[in-house]
Amino acid sequence: MNVIFGKENLDQIDERYTALELETLLVAKDKEPITNYAIVGPDSGLGSMLKLKQFIPVHEALIRNYKKQDWNFCLQAIEKLRGNIDPFMDTFYDILESRIQKQMENPSKDWSYILDLS
């Protein structure tokens, strides 16, 4: 699995693969945030392609609801997604779950889904 940065680069991926939105990063105060995407595809055969297609909408809903801070939905979606796309994605889901738990325990009024790395 690969990660690409910026929506403008999505046209470079082969049609057999799917881009799943991961995070949006702010790398410099004077720049626009950049969204990164995991490039996932069938690792072997028709079965894995069908399984991947089944979980893409769940992942997309997870990201939408993460941005809206619907933490309960996100936690339920993460449970459905773990073990069903790619081991790297499971690591991403673990990180996301940790961020959600921290926000639920200690809510921040100025929380943003954009990670400020500047």
Protein backbone atom coordinates (compact mmCIF):
# COMPACT_ATOMS: atom_id res chain seq x y z
CA MET A 1 0.00 0.00 0.00
CA ASN A 2 1.16 3.51 -0.81
CA VAL A 3 0.22 6.97 0.42
CA ILE A 4 -0.05 9.98 -1.84
CA PHE A 5 -0.38 13.61 -0.87
CA GLY A 6 -2.81 16.02 -2.46
CA LYS A 7 -6.05 15.44 -4.30
CA GLU A 8 -4.40 16.66 -7.49
CA ASN A 9 -2.28 13.49 -7.55
CA LEU A 10 -5.20 11.06 -7.46
CA ASP A 11 -5.38 10.89 -11.26
CA GLN A 12 -2.02 9.10 -11.22
CA ILE A 13 -3.35 5.90 -9.65
CA ASP A 14 -4.27 2.87 -11.70
CA GLU A 15 -8.01 2.17 -12.00
CA ARG A 16 -7.60 -1.17 -10.19
CA TYR A 17 -6.78 0.71 -7.02
CA THR A 18 -8.80 2.89 -4.67
CA ALA A 19 -7.75 6.05 -2.86
CA LEU A 20 -9.02 6.27 0.71
CA GLU A 21 -8.80 9.65 2.40
CA LEU A 22 -6.68 9.56 5.53
CA GLU A 23 -5.78 12.88 7.10
CA THR A 24 -5.52 16.51 6.22
CA LEU A 25 -2.26 18.12 7.24
CA LEU A 26 -1.17 21.71 7.64
CA VAL A 27 2.57 21.65 7.05
CA ALA A 28 3.21 25.41 6.95
CA LYS A 29 1.15 28.34 8.20
CA ASP A 30 1.34 30.07 4.81
CA LYS A 31 0.26 26.99 2.81
CA GLU A 32 -3.07 25.29 2.19
CA PRO A 33 -3.74 22.03 4.08
CA ILE A 34 -2.87 18.86 2.16
CA THR A 35 -4.98 15.72 2.32
CA ASN A 36 -3.21 12.38 2.11
CA TYR A 37 -4.70 9.19 0.73
CA ALA A 38 -3.99 5.50 1.16
CA ILE A 39 -3.85 3.66 -2.14
CA VAL A 40 -5.34 0.22 -1.64
CA GLY A 41 -6.23 -2.51 -4.06
CA PRO A 42 -6.94 -6.17 -4.36
CA ASP A 43 -4.06 -8.21 -3.02
CA SER A 44 -5.28 -11.39 -4.64
CA GLY A 45 -8.32 -12.44 -6.57
CA LEU A 46 -11.93 -11.45 -6.88
CA GLY A 47 -12.79 -12.17 -3.25
CA SER A 48 -10.50 -9.49 -1.89
CA MET A 49 -11.75 -6.95 -4.46
CA LEU A 50 -15.34 -7.57 -3.40
CA LYS A 51 -14.40 -7.30 0.27
CA LEU A 52 -12.59 -4.02 -0.36
CA LYS A 53 -15.57 -2.57 -2.24
CA GLN A 54 -17.83 -3.55 0.66
CA PHE A 55 -15.80 -1.51 3.17
CA ILE A 56 -14.99 1.60 1.11
CA PRO A 57 -18.34 3.29 1.98
CA VAL A 58 -17.78 2.55 5.68
CA HIS A 59 -14.34 4.18 5.54
CA GLU A 60 -15.72 7.20 3.67
CA ALA A 61 -18.49 7.59 6.27
CA LEU A 62 -15.88 7.32 9.04
CA ILE A 63 -13.90 10.24 7.61
CA ARG A 64 -17.04 12.36 7.07
CA ASN A 65 -18.20 11.77 10.63
CA TYR A 66 -14.72 12.32 12.08
CA LYS A 67 -14.77 15.81 10.57
CA LYS A 68 -18.21 16.36 12.17
CA GLN A 69 -16.98 14.99 15.53
CA ASP A 70 -19.55 12.21 15.65
CA TRP A 71 -17.31 10.13 17.86
CA ASN A 72 -19.73 7.28 18.56
CA PHE A 73 -20.28 6.68 14.85
CA CYS A 74 -16.53 6.77 14.29
CA LEU A 75 -15.79 4.22 16.98
CA GLN A 76 -18.41 1.85 15.58
CA ALA A 77 -17.06 2.29 12.05
CA ILE A 78 -13.50 1.61 13.20
CA GLU A 79 -14.62 -1.67 14.74
CA LYS A 80 -16.21 -2.71 11.42
CA LEU A 81 -13.16 -1.68 9.39
CA ARG A 82 -10.37 -3.24 11.44
CA GLY A 83 -8.98 -6.31 9.73
CA ASN A 84 -10.94 -5.76 6.54
CA ILE A 85 -8.87 -3.51 4.28
CA ASP A 86 -5.12 -3.58 4.93
CA PRO A 87 -2.84 -3.94 7.99
CA PHE A 88 -1.59 -0.37 7.45
CA MET A 89 -5.18 0.83 7.57
CA ASP A 90 -5.60 -0.95 10.91
CA THR A 91 -2.68 1.11 12.23
CA PHE A 92 -4.38 4.27 10.94
CA TYR A 93 -7.64 3.22 12.62
CA ASP A 94 -5.79 2.62 15.91
CA ILE A 95 -4.30 6.14 15.75
CA LEU A 96 -7.66 7.66 14.88
CA GLU A 97 -9.35 5.78 17.72
CA SER A 98 -6.73 7.08 20.15
CA ARG A 99 -7.34 10.67 19.00
CA ILE A 100 -11.09 10.20 19.37
CA GLN A 101 -10.75 8.75 22.87
CA LYS A 102 -8.58 11.71 23.94
CA GLN A 103 -11.09 14.18 22.51
CA MET A 104 -13.99 12.39 24.22
CA GLU A 105 -12.17 12.38 27.57
CA ASN A 106 -10.97 15.97 27.35
CA PRO A 107 -12.95 17.90 24.70
CA SER A 108 -11.16 20.81 23.08
CA LYS A 109 -13.28 23.68 21.78
CA ASP A 110 -10.76 24.47 19.07
CA TRP A 111 -10.39 20.87 17.82
CA SER A 112 -9.93 20.51 14.10
CA TYR A 113 -9.67 17.46 11.87
CA ILE A 114 -6.73 19.23 10.20
CA LEU A 115 -3.49 18.20 11.89
CA ASP A 116 -1.26 21.21 12.34
CA LEU A 117 2.34 20.13 11.76
CA SER A 118 3.64 23.64 11.11
